[in-house]
PDB file of all heavy atoms in Angstrom:
ATOM      1  N   ALA A   1     219.154  88.314  99.442  1.00  0.00           N
ATOM      2  CA  ALA A   1     219.175  87.877  98.053  1.00  0.00           C
ATOM      3  C   ALA A   1     217.772  87.795  97.474  1.00  0.00           C
ATOM      4  O   ALA A   1     217.577  87.987  96.271  1.00  0.00           O
ATOM      5  CB  ALA A   1     219.881  86.534  97.929  1.00  0.00           C
ATOM      6  N   LYS A   2     216.796  87.497  98.318  1.00  0.00           N
ATOM      7  CA  LYS A   2     215.405  87.400  97.883  1.00  0.00           C
ATOM      8  C   LYS A   2     214.596  88.644  98.211  1.00  0.00           C
ATOM      9  O   LYS A   2     213.400  88.689  97.905  1.00  0.00           O
ATOM     10  CB  LYS A   2     214.737  86.184  98.520  1.00  0.00           C
ATOM     11  CG  LYS A   2     215.319  84.852  98.094  1.00  0.00           C
ATOM     12  CD  LYS A   2     214.560  83.703  98.734  1.00  0.00           C
ATOM     13  CE  LYS A   2     215.085  82.367  98.269  1.00  0.00           C
ATOM     14  NZ  LYS A   2     214.343  81.239  98.885  1.00  0.00           N
ATOM     15  N   ASN A   3     215.224  89.630  98.838  1.00  0.00           N
ATOM     16  CA  ASN A   3     214.533  90.852  99.254  1.00  0.00           C
ATOM     17  C   ASN A   3     213.300  90.525 100.091  1.00  0.00           C
ATOM     18  O   ASN A   3     212.225  91.102  99.899  1.00  0.00           O
ATOM     19  CB  ASN A   3     214.143  91.690  98.037  1.00  0.00           C
ATOM     20  CG  ASN A   3     215.322  92.019  97.164  1.00  0.00           C
ATOM     21  OD1 ASN A   3     216.346  92.491  97.653  1.00  0.00           O
ATOM     22  ND2 ASN A   3     215.195  91.774  95.869  1.00  0.00           N
ATOM     23  N   THR A   4     213.480  89.613 101.020  1.00  0.00           N
ATOM     24  CA  THR A   4     212.374  89.073 101.788  1.00  0.00           C
ATOM     25  C   THR A   4     212.724  89.004 103.265  1.00  0.00           C
ATOM     26  O   THR A   4     213.857  88.672 103.616  1.00  0.00           O
ATOM     27  CB  THR A   4     212.000  87.669 101.278  1.00  0.00           C
ATOM     28  OG1 THR A   4     211.621  87.750  99.901  1.00  0.00           O
ATOM     29  CG2 THR A   4     210.852  87.084 102.077  1.00  0.00           C
ATOM     30  N   ILE A   5     211.748  89.315 104.111  1.00  0.00           N
ATOM     31  CA  ILE A   5     211.883  89.072 105.540  1.00  0.00           C
ATOM     32  C   ILE A   5     210.838  88.054 105.961  1.00  0.00           C
ATOM     33  O   ILE A   5     209.824  87.869 105.294  1.00  0.00           O
ATOM     34  CB  ILE A   5     211.755  90.352 106.392  1.00  0.00           C
ATOM     35  CG1 ILE A   5     210.355  90.963 106.272  1.00  0.00           C
ATOM     36  CG2 ILE A   5     212.833  91.351 106.019  1.00  0.00           C
ATOM     37  CD1 ILE A   5     210.087  92.027 107.321  1.00  0.00           C
ATOM     38  N   TYR A   6     211.107  87.417 107.099  1.00  0.00           N
ATOM     39  CA  TYR A   6     210.248  86.360 107.599  1.00  0.00           C
ATOM     40  C   TYR A   6     209.936  86.595 109.065  1.00  0.00           C
ATOM     41  O   TYR A   6     210.677  87.257 109.786  1.00  0.00           O
ATOM     42  CB  TYR A   6     210.921  84.997 107.447  1.00  0.00           C
ATOM     43  CG  TYR A   6     211.378  84.691 106.044  1.00  0.00           C
ATOM     44  CD1 TYR A   6     212.667  85.009 105.622  1.00  0.00           C
ATOM     45  CD2 TYR A   6     210.523  84.082 105.134  1.00  0.00           C
ATOM     46  CE1 TYR A   6     213.090  84.738 104.337  1.00  0.00           C
ATOM     47  CE2 TYR A   6     210.936  83.805 103.847  1.00  0.00           C
ATOM     48  CZ  TYR A   6     212.218  84.134 103.452  1.00  0.00           C
ATOM     49  OH  TYR A   6     212.627  83.858 102.170  1.00  0.00           O
ATOM     50  N   LEU A   7     208.845  86.031 109.495  1.00  0.00           N
ATOM     51  CA  LEU A   7     208.501  86.002 110.905  1.00  0.00           C
ATOM     52  C   LEU A   7     208.062  84.584 111.246  1.00  0.00           C
ATOM     53  O   LEU A   7     206.966  84.163 110.870  1.00  0.00           O
ATOM     54  CB  LEU A   7     207.394  87.000 111.242  1.00  0.00           C
ATOM     55  CG  LEU A   7     207.086  87.166 112.728  1.00  0.00           C
ATOM     56  CD1 LEU A   7     208.267  87.825 113.442  1.00  0.00           C
ATOM     57  CD2 LEU A   7     205.824  87.984 112.938  1.00  0.00           C
ATOM     58  N   GLN A   8     208.941  83.855 111.921  1.00  0.00           N
ATOM     59  CA  GLN A   8     208.620  82.522 112.398  1.00  0.00           C
ATOM     60  C   GLN A   8     207.911  82.652 113.737  1.00  0.00           C
ATOM     61  O   GLN A   8     208.477  83.197 114.683  1.00  0.00           O
ATOM     62  CB  GLN A   8     209.888  81.682 112.547  1.00  0.00           C
ATOM     63  CG  GLN A   8     209.646  80.280 113.086  1.00  0.00           C
ATOM     64  CD  GLN A   8     208.871  79.416 112.129  1.00  0.00           C
ATOM     65  OE1 GLN A   8     209.160  79.393 110.934  1.00  0.00           O
ATOM     66  NE2 GLN A   8     207.870  78.708 112.631  1.00  0.00           N
ATOM     67  N   MET A   9     206.701  82.153 113.825  1.00  0.00           N
ATOM     68  CA  MET A   9     205.876  82.286 115.010  1.00  0.00           C
ATOM     69  C   MET A   9     205.616  80.901 115.585  1.00  0.00           C
ATOM     70  O   MET A   9     204.971  80.071 114.946  1.00  0.00           O
ATOM     71  CB  MET A   9     204.560  82.990 114.685  1.00  0.00           C
ATOM     72  CG  MET A   9     204.735  84.341 114.001  1.00  0.00           C
ATOM     73  SD  MET A   9     203.167  85.213 113.748  1.00  0.00           S
ATOM     74  CE  MET A   9     202.384  84.090 112.576  1.00  0.00           C
ATOM     75  N   ASN A  10     206.120  80.673 116.782  1.00  0.00           N
ATOM     76  CA  ASN A  10     205.941  79.411 117.483  1.00  0.00           C
ATOM     77  C   ASN A  10     205.144  79.627 118.754  1.00  0.00           C
ATOM     78  O   ASN A  10     205.018  80.748 119.244  1.00  0.00           O
ATOM     79  CB  ASN A  10     207.292  78.787 117.822  1.00  0.00           C
ATOM     80  CG  ASN A  10     208.131  78.477 116.610  1.00  0.00           C
ATOM     81  OD1 ASN A  10     207.612  78.085 115.563  1.00  0.00           O
ATOM     82  ND2 ASN A  10     209.445  78.622 116.749  1.00  0.00           N
ATOM     83  N   SER A  11     204.632  78.546 119.303  1.00  0.00           N
ATOM     84  CA  SER A  11     203.857  78.593 120.547  1.00  0.00           C
ATOM     85  C   SER A  11     202.789  79.672 120.492  1.00  0.00           C
ATOM     86  O   SER A  11     202.634  80.482 121.408  1.00  0.00           O
ATOM     87  CB  SER A  11     204.792  78.822 121.738  1.00  0.00           C
ATOM     88  OG  SER A  11     205.767  77.806 121.825  1.00  0.00           O
ATOM     89  N   LEU A  12     202.046  79.680 119.418  1.00  0.00           N
ATOM     90  CA  LEU A  12     201.057  80.729 119.201  1.00  0.00           C
ATOM     91  C   LEU A  12     199.952  80.681 120.250  1.00  0.00           C
ATOM     92  O   LEU A  12     199.538  79.615 120.698  1.00  0.00           O
ATOM     93  CB  LEU A  12     200.470  80.613 117.805  1.00  0.00           C
ATOM     94  CG  LEU A  12     201.383  81.137 116.693  1.00  0.00           C
ATOM     95  CD1 LEU A  12     200.931  80.617 115.336  1.00  0.00           C
ATOM     96  CD2 LEU A  12     201.402  82.661 116.704  1.00  0.00           C
ATOM     97  N   LYS A  13     199.489  81.868 120.616  1.00  0.00           N
ATOM     98  CA  LYS A  13     198.435  82.050 121.595  1.00  0.00           C
ATOM     99  C   LYS A  13     197.253  82.754 120.945  1.00  0.00           C
ATOM    100  O   LYS A  13     197.419  83.467 119.959  1.00  0.00           O
ATOM    101  CB  LYS A  13     198.938  82.895 122.769  1.00  0.00           C
ATOM    102  CG  LYS A  13     200.186  82.366 123.448  1.00  0.00           C
ATOM    103  CD  LYS A  13     200.678  83.350 124.503  1.00  0.00           C
ATOM    104  CE  LYS A  13     201.943  82.854 125.177  1.00  0.00           C
ATOM    105  NZ  LYS A  13     202.425  83.829 126.192  1.00  0.00           N
ATOM    106  N   PRO A  14     196.053  82.592 121.499  1.00  0.00           N
ATOM    107  CA  PRO A  14     194.900  83.303 120.945  1.00  0.00           C
ATOM    108  C   PRO A  14     195.110  84.813 120.862  1.00  0.00           C
ATOM    109  O   PRO A  14     194.606  85.442 119.923  1.00  0.00           O
ATOM    110  CB  PRO A  14     193.766  82.947 121.915  1.00  0.00           C
ATOM    111  CG  PRO A  14     194.146  81.602 122.428  1.00  0.00           C
ATOM    112  CD  PRO A  14     195.641  81.642 122.553  1.00  0.00           C
ATOM    113  N   GLU A  15     195.842  85.390 121.798  1.00  0.00           N
ATOM    114  CA  GLU A  15     196.091  86.820 121.768  1.00  0.00           C
ATOM    115  C   GLU A  15     197.018  87.252 120.639  1.00  0.00           C
ATOM    116  O   GLU A  15     197.200  88.449 120.409  1.00  0.00           O
ATOM    117  CB  GLU A  15     196.641  87.315 123.119  1.00  0.00           C
ATOM    118  CG  GLU A  15     197.811  86.505 123.639  1.00  0.00           C
ATOM    119  CD  GLU A  15     197.394  85.457 124.661  1.00  0.00           C
ATOM    120  OE1 GLU A  15     196.403  84.748 124.394  1.00  0.00           O
ATOM    121  OE2 GLU A  15     198.045  85.359 125.716  1.00  0.00           O
ATOM    122  N   ASP A  16     197.619  86.308 119.926  1.00  0.00           N
ATOM    123  CA  ASP A  16     198.396  86.624 118.740  1.00  0.00           C
ATOM    124  C   ASP A  16     197.514  86.847 117.522  1.00  0.00           C
ATOM    125  O   ASP A  16     198.016  87.257 116.468  1.00  0.00           O
ATOM    126  CB  ASP A  16     199.400  85.513 118.435  1.00  0.00           C
ATOM    127  CG  ASP A  16     200.452  85.353 119.517  1.00  0.00           C
ATOM    128  OD1 ASP A  16     200.946  86.380 120.030  1.00  0.00           O
ATOM    129  OD2 ASP A  16     200.789  84.195 119.838  1.00  0.00           O
ATOM    130  N   THR A  17     196.234  86.567 117.638  1.00  0.00           N
ATOM    131  CA  THR A  17     195.314  86.746 116.525  1.00  0.00           C
ATOM    132  C   THR A  17     195.280  88.205 116.099  1.00  0.00           C
ATOM    133  O   THR A  17     195.020  89.092 116.905  1.00  0.00           O
ATOM    134  CB  THR A  17     193.910  86.275 116.906  1.00  0.00           C
ATOM    135  OG1 THR A  17     193.926  84.868 117.152  1.00  0.00           O
ATOM    136  CG2 THR A  17     192.915  86.572 115.798  1.00  0.00           C
ATOM    137  N   ALA A  18     195.558  88.453 114.827  1.00  0.00           N
ATOM    138  CA  ALA A  18     195.624  89.815 114.305  1.00  0.00           C
ATOM    139  C   ALA A  18     195.909  89.756 112.815  1.00  0.00           C
ATOM    140  O   ALA A  18     196.237  88.702 112.268  1.00  0.00           O
ATOM    141  CB  ALA A  18     196.724  90.623 115.010  1.00  0.00           C
ATOM    142  N   VAL A  19     195.791  90.903 112.169  1.00  0.00           N
ATOM    143  CA  VAL A  19     196.330  91.068 110.827  1.00  0.00           C
ATOM    144  C   VAL A  19     197.776  91.518 110.974  1.00  0.00           C
ATOM    145  O   VAL A  19     198.058  92.495 111.672  1.00  0.00           O
ATOM    146  CB  VAL A  19     195.527  92.088 110.006  1.00  0.00           C
ATOM    147  CG1 VAL A  19     196.162  92.275 108.628  1.00  0.00           C
ATOM    148  CG2 VAL A  19     194.080  91.636 109.864  1.00  0.00           C
ATOM    149  N   TYR A  20     198.671  90.810 110.329  1.00  0.00           N
ATOM    150  CA  TYR A  20     200.091  91.106 110.410  1.00  0.00           C
ATOM    151  C   TYR A  20     200.530  91.863 109.167  1.00  0.00           C
ATOM    152  O   TYR A  20     200.236  91.452 108.041  1.00  0.00           O
ATOM    153  CB  TYR A  20     200.902  89.822 110.578  1.00  0.00           C
ATOM    154  CG  TYR A  20     200.836  89.267 111.976  1.00  0.00           C
ATOM    155  CD1 TYR A  20     199.659  88.692 112.446  1.00  0.00           C
ATOM    156  CD2 TYR A  20     201.931  89.335 112.836  1.00  0.00           C
ATOM    157  CE1 TYR A  20     199.575  88.197 113.741  1.00  0.00           C
ATOM    158  CE2 TYR A  20     201.857  88.838 114.125  1.00  0.00           C
ATOM    159  CZ  TYR A  20     200.674  88.276 114.574  1.00  0.00           C
ATOM    160  OH  TYR A  20     200.606  87.788 115.861  1.00  0.00           O
ATOM    161  N   TYR A  21     201.243  92.969 109.388  1.00  0.00           N
ATOM    162  CA  TYR A  21     201.665  93.856 108.310  1.00  0.00           C
ATOM    163  C   TYR A  21     203.182  93.967 108.257  1.00  0.00           C
ATOM    164  O   TYR A  21     203.841  94.095 109.289  1.00  0.00           O
ATOM    165  CB  TYR A  21     201.108  95.265 108.510  1.00  0.00           C
ATOM    166  CG  TYR A  21     199.607  95.370 108.462  1.00  0.00           C
ATOM    167  CD1 TYR A  21     198.853  95.293 109.622  1.00  0.00           C
ATOM    168  CD2 TYR A  21     198.945  95.569 107.257  1.00  0.00           C
ATOM    169  CE1 TYR A  21     197.475  95.405 109.588  1.00  0.00           C
ATOM    170  CE2 TYR A  21     197.568  95.687 107.217  1.00  0.00           C
ATOM    171  CZ  TYR A  21     196.841  95.603 108.380  1.00  0.00           C
ATOM    172  OH  TYR A  21     195.469  95.724 108.343  1.00  0.00           O
ATOM    173  N   CYS A  22     203.712  93.965 107.071  1.00  0.00           N
ATOM    174  CA  CYS A  22     205.105  94.291 106.824  1.00  0.00           C
ATOM    175  C   CYS A  22     205.228  95.797 106.614  1.00  0.00           C
ATOM    176  O   CYS A  22     204.351  96.417 105.996  1.00  0.00           O
ATOM    177  CB  CYS A  22     205.590  93.530 105.593  1.00  0.00           C
ATOM    178  SG  CYS A  22     207.341  93.687 105.230  1.00  0.00           S
ATOM    179  N   ASN A  23     206.298  96.390 107.133  1.00  0.00           N
ATOM    180  CA  ASN A  23     206.458  97.838 107.088  1.00  0.00           C
ATOM    181  C   ASN A  23     207.895  98.226 106.785  1.00  0.00           C
ATOM    182  O   ASN A  23     208.836  97.655 107.335  1.00  0.00           O
ATOM    183  CB  ASN A  23     206.027  98.449 108.429  1.00  0.00           C
ATOM    184  CG  ASN A  23     206.457  99.892 108.593  1.00  0.00           C
ATOM    185  OD1 ASN A  23     207.304 100.210 109.426  1.00  0.00           O
ATOM    186  ND2 ASN A  23     205.860 100.780 107.805  1.00  0.00           N
ATOM    187  N   VAL A  24     208.056  99.205 105.914  1.00  0.00           N
ATOM    188  CA  VAL A  24     209.332  99.870 105.673  1.00  0.00           C
ATOM    189  C   VAL A  24     209.162 101.316 106.105  1.00  0.00           C
ATOM    190  O   VAL A  24     208.442 102.074 105.453  1.00  0.00           O
ATOM    191  CB  VAL A  24     209.757  99.788 104.200  1.00  0.00           C
ATOM    192  CG1 VAL A  24     210.996 100.647 103.952  1.00  0.00           C
ATOM    193  CG2 VAL A  24     210.035  98.348 103.799  1.00  0.00           C
TER     194      VAL A  24
END
C-alpha cells in the first residue's frame, strides 16, 4: 500500500558496516 520495503536489522555487527542500497 505504501510501495515500500523495509530491512529490520538486529544484533548488528561491525562487519555489517556498509552503504545499503535498494534495488529493483
